C-alpha atoms as a PDB file:
ATOM      1  CA  UNK A   1      13.567  -8.887 -11.526  1.00  0.00           C
ATOM      2  CA  UNK A   2      13.999  -6.229  -8.787  1.00  0.00           C
ATOM      3  CA  UNK A   3      14.275  -9.018  -6.214  1.00  0.00           C
ATOM      4  CA  UNK A   4      17.308 -10.488  -7.951  1.00  0.00           C
ATOM      5  CA  UNK A   5      19.015  -7.119  -8.250  1.00  0.00           C
ATOM      6  CA  UNK A   6      18.429  -6.239  -4.620  1.00  0.00           C
ATOM      7  CA  UNK A   7      19.606  -9.639  -3.460  1.00  0.00           C
ATOM      8  CA  UNK A   8      22.726  -9.414  -5.611  1.00  0.00           C
ATOM      9  CA  UNK A   9      23.612  -5.960  -4.293  1.00  0.00           C
ATOM     10  CA  UNK A  10      22.922  -7.064  -0.728  1.00  0.00           C
ATOM     11  CA  UNK A  11      25.113 -10.146  -1.064  1.00  0.00           C
ATOM     12  CA  UNK A  12      27.940  -8.206  -2.723  1.00  0.00           C
ATOM     13  CA  UNK A  13      28.023  -5.534  -0.031  1.00  0.00           C
ATOM     14  CA  UNK A  14      27.932  -8.048   2.784  1.00  0.00           C
ATOM     15  CA  UNK A  15      30.587 -10.257   1.224  1.00  0.00           C
ATOM     16  CA  UNK A  16      32.891  -7.359   0.418  1.00  0.00           C
ATOM     17  CA  UNK A  17      32.928  -6.239   4.059  1.00  0.00           C
ATOM     18  CA  UNK A  18      34.580  -9.412   5.254  1.00  0.00           C
ATOM     19  CA  UNK A  19      36.424 -11.061   2.381  1.00  0.00           C
ATOM     20  CA  UNK A  20      38.891 -12.983   4.511  1.00  0.00           C
ATOM     21  CA  UNK A  21      36.390 -14.235   7.097  1.00  0.00           C
ATOM     22  CA  UNK A  22      33.997 -16.987   6.163  1.00  0.00           C
ATOM     23  CA  UNK A  23      32.428 -18.257   9.366  1.00  0.00           C
ATOM     24  CA  UNK A  24      28.953 -19.585  10.012  1.00  0.00           C
ATOM     25  CA  UNK A  25      27.746 -16.553  11.972  1.00  0.00           C
ATOM     26  CA  UNK A  26      28.358 -14.252   9.011  1.00  0.00           C
ATOM     27  CA  UNK A  27      26.633 -16.723   6.736  1.00  0.00           C
ATOM     28  CA  UNK A  28      23.587 -16.834   9.032  1.00  0.00           C
ATOM     29  CA  UNK A  29      23.423 -13.017   9.105  1.00  0.00           C
ATOM     30  CA  UNK A  30      23.444 -12.934   5.316  1.00  0.00           C
ATOM     31  CA  UNK A  31      20.722 -15.575   5.137  1.00  0.00           C
ATOM     32  CA  UNK A  32      18.535 -13.643   7.588  1.00  0.00           C
ATOM     33  CA  UNK A  33      18.919 -10.439   5.612  1.00  0.00           C
ATOM     34  CA  UNK A  34      18.120 -12.217   2.352  1.00  0.00           C
ATOM     35  CA  UNK A  35      14.968 -13.724   3.858  1.00  0.00           C
ATOM     36  CA  UNK A  36      13.948 -10.326   5.197  1.00  0.00           C
ATOM     37  CA  UNK A  37      14.448  -8.738   1.778  1.00  0.00           C
ATOM     38  CA  UNK A  38      12.442 -11.505   0.081  1.00  0.00           C
ATOM     39  CA  UNK A  39       9.552 -10.902   2.482  1.00  0.00           C
ATOM     40  CA  UNK A  40       9.614  -7.174   1.724  1.00  0.00           C
ATOM     41  CA  UNK A  41       9.610  -7.820  -2.024  1.00  0.00           C
ATOM     42  CA  UNK A  42       6.678 -10.248  -1.732  1.00  0.00           C
ATOM     43  CA  UNK A  43       4.732  -7.670   0.270  1.00  0.00           C
ATOM     44  CA  UNK A  44       5.501  -5.002  -2.340  1.00  0.00           C
ATOM     45  CA  UNK A  45       4.370  -7.255  -5.199  1.00  0.00           C
ATOM     46  CA  UNK A  46       1.117  -8.068  -3.399  1.00  0.00           C
ATOM     47  CA  UNK A  47       0.414  -4.373  -2.755  1.00  0.00           C
ATOM     48  CA  UNK A  48       1.104  -3.487  -6.380  1.00  0.00           C
ATOM     49  CA  UNK A  49      -1.373  -6.100  -7.605  1.00  0.00           C
ATOM     50  CA  UNK A  50      -3.984  -4.570  -5.311  1.00  0.00           C
ATOM     51  CA  UNK A  51      -3.325  -0.947  -6.300  1.00  0.00           C
ATOM     52  CA  UNK A  52      -3.279  -1.680 -10.033  1.00  0.00           C
ATOM     53  CA  UNK A  53      -6.660  -3.398  -9.764  1.00  0.00           C
ATOM     54  CA  UNK A  54      -6.164  -5.589 -12.816  1.00  0.00           C
ATOM     55  CA  UNK A  55      -7.671  -8.614 -11.077  1.00  0.00           C
ATOM     56  CA  UNK A  56     -10.862  -6.880  -9.968  1.00  0.00           C
ATOM     57  CA  UNK A  57     -14.107  -6.604 -11.921  1.00  0.00           C
ATOM     58  CA  UNK A  58     -16.122  -3.531 -10.978  1.00  0.00           C
ATOM     59  CA  UNK A  59     -18.676  -3.818 -13.798  1.00  0.00           C
ATOM     60  CA  UNK A  60     -21.276  -5.290 -11.432  1.00  0.00           C
ATOM     61  CA  UNK A  61     -21.028  -2.232  -9.153  1.00  0.00           C
ATOM     62  CA  UNK A  62     -21.596   0.403 -11.833  1.00  0.00           C
ATOM     63  CA  UNK A  63     -24.672   2.638 -11.565  1.00  0.00           C
ATOM     64  CA  UNK A  64     -27.063   3.025 -14.470  1.00  0.00           C
ATOM     65  CA  UNK A  65     -27.242   6.757 -15.398  1.00  0.00           C
ATOM     66  CA  UNK A  66     -30.938   6.449 -16.270  1.00  0.00           C
ATOM     67  CA  UNK A  67     -31.756   5.648 -12.646  1.00  0.00           C
ATOM     68  CA  UNK A  68     -30.113   8.850 -11.483  1.00  0.00           C
ATOM     69  CA  UNK A  69     -32.579  10.988 -13.455  1.00  0.00           C
ATOM     70  CA  UNK A  70     -35.423  10.069 -11.058  1.00  0.00           C
ATOM     71  CA  UNK A  71     -33.560  11.227  -7.937  1.00  0.00           C
ATOM     72  CA  UNK A  72     -34.482  14.738  -6.848  1.00  0.00           C
ATOM     73  CA  UNK A  73     -31.563  16.970  -5.839  1.00  0.00           C
ATOM     74  CA  UNK A  74     -31.411  17.978  -2.190  1.00  0.00           C
ATOM     75  CA  UNK A  75     -31.859  21.641  -1.447  1.00  0.00           C
ATOM     76  CA  UNK A  76     -29.593  22.994   1.302  1.00  0.00           C
ATOM     77  CA  UNK A  77     -31.175  24.348   4.477  1.00  0.00           C
ATOM     78  CA  UNK A  78     -29.336  27.619   4.991  1.00  0.00           C
ATOM     79  CA  UNK A  79     -31.083  28.443   8.278  1.00  0.00           C
ATOM     80  CA  UNK A  80     -29.918  25.280  10.030  1.00  0.00           C
ATOM     81  CA  UNK A  81     -26.761  25.326  12.102  1.00  0.00           C
ATOM     82  CA  UNK A  82     -24.912  22.661  14.032  1.00  0.00           C
ATOM     83  CA  UNK A  83     -23.243  25.187  16.332  1.00  0.00           C
ATOM     84  CA  UNK A  84     -24.502  24.836  19.903  1.00  0.00           C
ATOM     85  CA  UNK A  85     -25.217  27.988  21.792  1.00  0.00           C
ATOM     86  CA  UNK A  86     -25.145  30.396  18.853  1.00  0.00           C
ATOM     87  CA  UNK A  87     -28.663  31.668  19.513  1.00  0.00           C
ATOM     88  CA  UNK A  88     -28.352  31.244  23.305  1.00  0.00           C
ATOM     89  CA  UNK A  89     -25.771  33.991  23.780  1.00  0.00           C
ATOM     90  CA  UNK A  90     -28.069  36.738  22.468  1.00  0.00           C
END
């Protein structure tokens, strides 16, 4: 639906700019712009399908909460530092 509206507005604006002239160069410009707009709309539709994620099944990648009970939490090592030269300057 948005493709038709955009194409209609694009055609109307281009045709209203040169009502009296109807040569082949103007027609080819309009055709190029329509093709460009169609390509943008197809790209947008493809991206929206991806971001909505309706076609993807993530059930096989879910983690069982019972497995997580056996994992011990990591305790932070507060005496470790990644800064080079901190102890060297003293």
